[in-house]
Amino acid sequence: MQNHIRELRKSVKLSQEELAKLCKVSRQTINAIENDKYDPTLQLAFDIASVLNTTVDKLFISSSNKKR
């Protein structure tokens, strides 16, 4: 599942480490999510969305909803 986390994180001037601390996960977890190597739990998705002041549906792009 693709996502917009990196772009949104950078727009609010947070490092991966800062976002990770605010979400109580490791920097490696944030890195893996941003690089589409790990799908977060629903709770973590909500936590990331909250920190980035957005909604879960705006963070993630379902492969079935990609524009062709």
PDB file of N, CA and C in Angstrom:
ATOM      1  N   MET A   1       0.848  -1.175   0.000  1.00  0.00           N
ATOM      2  CA  MET A   1       0.000   0.000   0.000  1.00  0.00           C
ATOM      3  C   MET A   1       0.891   1.234   0.000  1.00  0.00           C
ATOM      4  N   GLN A   2       0.704   2.076  -0.966  1.00  0.00           N
ATOM      5  CA  GLN A   2       1.510   3.296  -1.046  1.00  0.00           C
ATOM      6  C   GLN A   2       0.948   4.344  -0.089  1.00  0.00           C
ATOM      7  N   ASN A   3       1.796   5.332   0.225  1.00  0.00           N
ATOM      8  CA  ASN A   3       1.361   6.348   1.179  1.00  0.00           C
ATOM      9  C   ASN A   3       2.029   7.695   0.895  1.00  0.00           C
ATOM     10  N   HIS A   4       1.507   8.706   1.563  1.00  0.00           N
ATOM     11  CA  HIS A   4       2.008  10.084   1.446  1.00  0.00           C
ATOM     12  C   HIS A   4       2.706  10.532   2.721  1.00  0.00           C
ATOM     13  N   ILE A   5       3.116   9.604   3.551  1.00  0.00           N
ATOM     14  CA  ILE A   5       3.666   9.962   4.860  1.00  0.00           C
ATOM     15  C   ILE A   5       4.922  10.810   4.730  1.00  0.00           C
ATOM     16  N   ARG A   6       5.852  10.413   3.882  1.00  0.00           N
ATOM     17  CA  ARG A   6       7.109  11.166   3.740  1.00  0.00           C
ATOM     18  C   ARG A   6       6.829  12.626   3.376  1.00  0.00           C
ATOM     19  N   GLU A   7       5.970  12.832   2.375  1.00  0.00           N
ATOM     20  CA  GLU A   7       5.672  14.201   1.924  1.00  0.00           C
ATOM     21  C   GLU A   7       5.025  15.018   3.032  1.00  0.00           C
ATOM     22  N   LEU A   8       4.054  14.428   3.717  1.00  0.00           N
ATOM     23  CA  LEU A   8       3.367  15.156   4.787  1.00  0.00           C
ATOM     24  C   LEU A   8       4.302  15.405   5.972  1.00  0.00           C
ATOM     25  N   ARG A   9       5.115  14.412   6.297  1.00  0.00           N
ATOM     26  CA  ARG A   9       6.076  14.566   7.400  1.00  0.00           C
ATOM     27  C   ARG A   9       7.034  15.711   7.113  1.00  0.00           C
ATOM     28  N   LYS A  10       7.546  15.756   5.895  1.00  0.00           N
ATOM     29  CA  LYS A  10       8.478  16.827   5.531  1.00  0.00           C
ATOM     30  C   LYS A  10       7.786  18.182   5.498  1.00  0.00           C
ATOM     31  N   SER A  11       6.525  18.212   5.107  1.00  0.00           N
ATOM     32  CA  SER A  11       5.815  19.493   5.035  1.00  0.00           C
ATOM     33  C   SER A  11       5.615  20.114   6.415  1.00  0.00           C
ATOM     34  N   VAL A  12       5.573  19.275   7.447  1.00  0.00           N
ATOM     35  CA  VAL A  12       5.456  19.805   8.816  1.00  0.00           C
ATOM     36  C   VAL A  12       6.805  19.817   9.523  1.00  0.00           C
ATOM     37  N   LYS A  13       7.870  19.573   8.740  1.00  0.00           N
ATOM     38  CA  LYS A  13       9.249  19.672   9.216  1.00  0.00           C
ATOM     39  C   LYS A  13       9.560  18.736  10.392  1.00  0.00           C
ATOM     40  N   LEU A  14       9.118  17.486  10.245  1.00  0.00           N
ATOM     41  CA  LEU A  14       9.448  16.465  11.232  1.00  0.00           C
ATOM     42  C   LEU A  14      10.419  15.467  10.619  1.00  0.00           C
ATOM     43  N   SER A  15      11.372  15.024  11.400  1.00  0.00           N
ATOM     44  CA  SER A  15      12.263  13.952  10.956  1.00  0.00           C
ATOM     45  C   SER A  15      11.557  12.614  11.198  1.00  0.00           C
ATOM     46  N   GLN A  16      12.087  11.560  10.602  1.00  0.00           N
ATOM     47  CA  GLN A  16      11.537  10.230  10.871  1.00  0.00           C
ATOM     48  C   GLN A  16      11.623   9.933  12.362  1.00  0.00           C
ATOM     49  N   GLU A  17      12.736  10.311  12.974  1.00  0.00           N
ATOM     50  CA  GLU A  17      12.935  10.068  14.403  1.00  0.00           C
ATOM     51  C   GLU A  17      11.884  10.799  15.239  1.00  0.00           C
ATOM     52  N   GLU A  18      11.609  12.042  14.900  1.00  0.00           N
ATOM     53  CA  GLU A  18      10.613  12.821  15.652  1.00  0.00           C
ATOM     54  C   GLU A  18       9.218  12.214  15.503  1.00  0.00           C
ATOM     55  N   LEU A  19       8.855  11.850  14.277  1.00  0.00           N
ATOM     56  CA  LEU A  19       7.551  11.228  14.052  1.00  0.00           C
ATOM     57  C   LEU A  19       7.462   9.907  14.812  1.00  0.00           C
ATOM     58  N   ALA A  20       8.523   9.138  14.776  1.00  0.00           N
ATOM     59  CA  ALA A  20       8.549   7.858  15.476  1.00  0.00           C
ATOM     60  C   ALA A  20       8.329   8.049  16.982  1.00  0.00           C
ATOM     61  N   LYS A  21       9.011   9.012  17.576  1.00  0.00           N
ATOM     62  CA  LYS A  21       8.857   9.259  19.013  1.00  0.00           C
ATOM     63  C   LYS A  21       7.431   9.664  19.350  1.00  0.00           C
ATOM     64  N   LEU A  22       6.844  10.523  18.531  1.00  0.00           N
ATOM     65  CA  LEU A  22       5.476  10.969  18.779  1.00  0.00           C
ATOM     66  C   LEU A  22       4.474   9.823  18.643  1.00  0.00           C
ATOM     67  N   CYS A  23       4.813   8.828  17.811  1.00  0.00           N
ATOM     68  CA  CYS A  23       3.925   7.675  17.593  1.00  0.00           C
ATOM     69  C   CYS A  23       4.326   6.464  18.433  1.00  0.00           C
ATOM     70  N   LYS A  24       5.387   6.620  19.225  1.00  0.00           N
ATOM     71  CA  LYS A  24       5.879   5.545  20.105  1.00  0.00           C
ATOM     72  C   LYS A  24       6.279   4.289  19.338  1.00  0.00           C
ATOM     73  N   VAL A  25       7.001   4.496  18.236  1.00  0.00           N
ATOM     74  CA  VAL A  25       7.574   3.389  17.461  1.00  0.00           C
ATOM     75  C   VAL A  25       9.022   3.747  17.131  1.00  0.00           C
ATOM     76  N   SER A  26       9.722   2.842  16.487  1.00  0.00           N
ATOM     77  CA  SER A  26      11.112   3.115  16.123  1.00  0.00           C
ATOM     78  C   SER A  26      11.187   3.899  14.811  1.00  0.00           C
ATOM     79  N   ARG A  27      12.318   4.561  14.607  1.00  0.00           N
ATOM     80  CA  ARG A  27      12.548   5.264  13.351  1.00  0.00           C
ATOM     81  C   ARG A  27      12.514   4.273  12.196  1.00  0.00           C
ATOM     82  N   GLN A  28      13.014   3.065  12.435  1.00  0.00           N
ATOM     83  CA  GLN A  28      13.036   2.042  11.394  1.00  0.00           C
ATOM     84  C   GLN A  28      11.619   1.667  10.951  1.00  0.00           C
ATOM     85  N   THR A  29      10.677   1.690  11.882  1.00  0.00           N
ATOM     86  CA  THR A  29       9.279   1.411  11.530  1.00  0.00           C
ATOM     87  C   THR A  29       8.744   2.480  10.594  1.00  0.00           C
ATOM     88  N   ILE A  30       8.999   3.744  10.915  1.00  0.00           N
ATOM     89  CA  ILE A  30       8.544   4.844  10.053  1.00  0.00           C
ATOM     90  C   ILE A  30       9.199   4.728   8.682  1.00  0.00           C
ATOM     91  N   ASN A  31      10.489   4.421   8.660  1.00  0.00           N
ATOM     92  CA  ASN A  31      11.203   4.263   7.395  1.00  0.00           C
ATOM     93  C   ASN A  31      10.591   3.141   6.566  1.00  0.00           C
ATOM     94  N   ALA A  32      10.310   2.015   7.183  1.00  0.00           N
ATOM     95  CA  ALA A  32       9.732   0.874   6.465  1.00  0.00           C
ATOM     96  C   ALA A  32       8.347   1.210   5.918  1.00  0.00           C
ATOM     97  N   ILE A  33       7.551   1.941   6.684  1.00  0.00           N
ATOM     98  CA  ILE A  33       6.218   2.336   6.214  1.00  0.00           C
ATOM     99  C   ILE A  33       6.347   3.289   5.027  1.00  0.00           C
ATOM    100  N   GLU A  34       7.208   4.293   5.148  1.00  0.00           N
ATOM    101  CA  GLU A  34       7.394   5.264   4.059  1.00  0.00           C
ATOM    102  C   GLU A  34       7.883   4.597   2.778  1.00  0.00           C
ATOM    103  N   ASN A  35       8.644   3.520   2.919  1.00  0.00           N
ATOM    104  CA  ASN A  35       9.198   2.826   1.749  1.00  0.00           C
ATOM    105  C   ASN A  35       8.357   1.627   1.323  1.00  0.00           C
ATOM    106  N   ASP A  36       7.113   1.569   1.787  1.00  0.00           N
ATOM    107  CA  ASP A  36       6.159   0.519   1.398  1.00  0.00           C
ATOM    108  C   ASP A  36       6.668  -0.889   1.687  1.00  0.00           C
ATOM    109  N   LYS A  37       7.446  -1.027   2.753  1.00  0.00           N
ATOM    110  CA  LYS A  37       7.950  -2.345   3.142  1.00  0.00           C
ATOM    111  C   LYS A  37       7.188  -2.909   4.339  1.00  0.00           C
ATOM    112  N   TYR A  38       6.322  -2.101   4.919  1.00  0.00           N
ATOM    113  CA  TYR A  38       5.577  -2.515   6.102  1.00  0.00           C
ATOM    114  C   TYR A  38       4.261  -1.755   6.128  1.00  0.00           C
ATOM    115  N   ASP A  39       3.169  -2.484   6.350  1.00  0.00           N
ATOM    116  CA  ASP A  39       1.863  -1.853   6.519  1.00  0.00           C
ATOM    117  C   ASP A  39       1.609  -1.692   8.014  1.00  0.00           C
ATOM    118  N   PRO A  40       1.344  -0.473   8.448  1.00  0.00           N
ATOM    119  CA  PRO A  40       1.152  -0.242   9.883  1.00  0.00           C
ATOM    120  C   PRO A  40      -0.159  -0.834  10.383  1.00  0.00           C
ATOM    121  N   THR A  41      -0.217  -1.054  11.682  1.00  0.00           N
ATOM    122  CA  THR A  41      -1.487  -1.451  12.288  1.00  0.00           C
ATOM    123  C   THR A  41      -2.464  -0.297  12.119  1.00  0.00           C
ATOM    124  N   LEU A  42      -3.728  -0.587  12.290  1.00  0.00           N
ATOM    125  CA  LEU A  42      -4.736   0.461  12.183  1.00  0.00           C
ATOM    126  C   LEU A  42      -4.490   1.550  13.226  1.00  0.00           C
ATOM    127  N   GLN A  43      -4.138   1.146  14.449  1.00  0.00           N
ATOM    128  CA  GLN A  43      -3.865   2.122  15.504  1.00  0.00           C
ATOM    129  C   GLN A  43      -2.695   3.021  15.135  1.00  0.00           C
ATOM    130  N   LEU A  44      -1.618   2.435  14.602  1.00  0.00           N
ATOM    131  CA  LEU A  44      -0.463   3.240  14.215  1.00  0.00           C
ATOM    132  C   LEU A  44      -0.821   4.175  13.064  1.00  0.00           C
ATOM    133  N   ALA A  45      -1.625   3.707  12.127  1.00  0.00           N
ATOM    134  CA  ALA A  45      -2.066   4.571  11.025  1.00  0.00           C
ATOM    135  C   ALA A  45      -2.821   5.783  11.565  1.00  0.00           C
ATOM    136  N   PHE A  46      -3.692   5.552  12.533  1.00  0.00           N
ATOM    137  CA  PHE A  46      -4.430   6.665  13.150  1.00  0.00           C
ATOM    138  C   PHE A  46      -3.493   7.591  13.919  1.00  0.00           C
ATOM    139  N   ASP A  47      -2.507   7.020  14.598  1.00  0.00           N
ATOM    140  CA  ASP A  47      -1.536   7.843  15.338  1.00  0.00           C
ATOM    141  C   ASP A  47      -0.738   8.730  14.386  1.00  0.00           C
ATOM    142  N   ILE A  48      -0.259   8.163  13.288  1.00  0.00           N
ATOM    143  CA  ILE A  48       0.504   8.937  12.299  1.00  0.00           C
ATOM    144  C   ILE A  48      -0.370  10.037  11.711  1.00  0.00           C
ATOM    145  N   ALA A  49      -1.600   9.687  11.355  1.00  0.00           N
ATOM    146  CA  ALA A  49      -2.521  10.686  10.793  1.00  0.00           C
ATOM    147  C   ALA A  49      -2.756  11.819  11.781  1.00  0.00           C
ATOM    148  N   SER A  50      -2.919  11.489  13.047  1.00  0.00           N
ATOM    149  CA  SER A  50      -3.153  12.508  14.068  1.00  0.00           C
ATOM    150  C   SER A  50      -1.959  13.446  14.188  1.00  0.00           C
ATOM    151  N   VAL A  51      -0.755  12.883  14.254  1.00  0.00           N
ATOM    152  CA  VAL A  51       0.454  13.705  14.378  1.00  0.00           C
ATOM    153  C   VAL A  51       0.617  14.604  13.149  1.00  0.00           C
ATOM    154  N   LEU A  52       0.279  14.080  11.976  1.00  0.00           N
ATOM    155  CA  LEU A  52       0.442  14.843  10.740  1.00  0.00           C
ATOM    156  C   LEU A  52      -0.789  15.689  10.409  1.00  0.00           C
ATOM    157  N   ASN A  53      -1.754  15.707  11.341  1.00  0.00           N
ATOM    158  CA  ASN A  53      -2.951  16.541  11.199  1.00  0.00           C
ATOM    159  C   ASN A  53      -3.704  16.257   9.901  1.00  0.00           C
ATOM    160  N   THR A  54      -3.934  14.974   9.654  1.00  0.00           N
ATOM    161  CA  THR A  54      -4.676  14.567   8.463  1.00  0.00           C
ATOM    162  C   THR A  54      -5.512  13.349   8.818  1.00  0.00           C
ATOM    163  N   THR A  55      -6.064  12.702   7.825  1.00  0.00           N
ATOM    164  CA  THR A  55      -6.865  11.504   8.044  1.00  0.00           C
ATOM    165  C   THR A  55      -6.162  10.299   7.427  1.00  0.00           C
ATOM    166  N   VAL A  56      -6.521   9.123   7.899  1.00  0.00           N
ATOM    167  CA  VAL A  56      -5.909   7.897   7.401  1.00  0.00           C
ATOM    168  C   VAL A  56      -6.149   7.740   5.903  1.00  0.00           C
ATOM    169  N   ASP A  57      -7.352   8.056   5.443  1.00  0.00           N
ATOM    170  CA  ASP A  57      -7.643   7.886   4.011  1.00  0.00           C
ATOM    171  C   ASP A  57      -6.843   8.842   3.136  1.00  0.00           C
ATOM    172  N   LYS A  58      -6.356   9.941   3.695  1.00  0.00           N
ATOM    173  CA  LYS A  58      -5.500  10.846   2.926  1.00  0.00           C
ATOM    174  C   LYS A  58      -4.029  10.434   2.989  1.00  0.00           C
ATOM    175  N   LEU A  59      -3.675   9.597   3.960  1.00  0.00           N
ATOM    176  CA  LEU A  59      -2.288   9.126   4.085  1.00  0.00           C
ATOM    177  C   LEU A  59      -1.967   7.992   3.125  1.00  0.00           C
ATOM    178  N   PHE A  60      -2.920   7.097   2.937  1.00  0.00           N
ATOM    179  CA  PHE A  60      -2.655   5.864   2.205  1.00  0.00           C
ATOM    180  C   PHE A  60      -3.402   5.788   0.889  1.00  0.00           C
ATOM    181  N   ILE A  61      -2.759   5.135  -0.086  1.00  0.00           N
ATOM    182  CA  ILE A  61      -3.331   4.951  -1.415  1.00  0.00           C
ATOM    183  C   ILE A  61      -3.515   3.457  -1.622  1.00  0.00           C
ATOM    184  N   SER A  62      -4.733   3.019  -1.643  1.00  0.00           N
ATOM    185  CA  SER A  62      -4.999   1.609  -1.890  1.00  0.00           C
ATOM    186  C   SER A  62      -4.644   1.267  -3.324  1.00  0.00           C
ATOM    187  N   SER A  63      -4.040   0.124  -3.541  1.00  0.00           N
ATOM    188  CA  SER A  63      -3.642  -0.268  -4.898  1.00  0.00           C
ATOM    189  C   SER A  63      -4.850  -0.380  -5.811  1.00  0.00           C
ATOM    190  N   SER A  64      -6.038  -0.655  -5.263  1.00  0.00           N
ATOM    191  CA  SER A  64      -7.233  -0.736  -6.082  1.00  0.00           C
ATOM    192  C   SER A  64      -7.791   0.647  -6.431  1.00  0.00           C
ATOM    193  N   ASN A  65      -7.310   1.687  -5.734  1.00  0.00           N
ATOM    194  CA  ASN A  65      -7.786   3.051  -5.993  1.00  0.00           C
ATOM    195  C   ASN A  65      -6.789   3.915  -6.732  1.00  0.00           C
ATOM    196  N   LYS A  66      -5.683   3.340  -7.169  1.00  0.00           N
ATOM    197  CA  LYS A  66      -4.668   4.124  -7.898  1.00  0.00           C
ATOM    198  C   LYS A  66      -5.238   4.628  -9.204  1.00  0.00           C
ATOM    199  N   LYS A  67      -4.869   5.830  -9.557  1.00  0.00           N
ATOM    200  CA  LYS A  67      -5.252   6.362 -10.861  1.00  0.00           C
ATOM    201  C   LYS A  67      -4.407   5.695 -11.926  1.00  0.00           C
ATOM    202  N   ARG A  68      -5.019   5.362 -13.014  1.00  0.00           N
ATOM    203  CA  ARG A  68      -4.290   4.668 -14.092  1.00  0.00           C
ATOM    204  C   ARG A  68      -3.928   5.602 -15.192  1.00  0.00           C
TER     205      ARG A  68
END
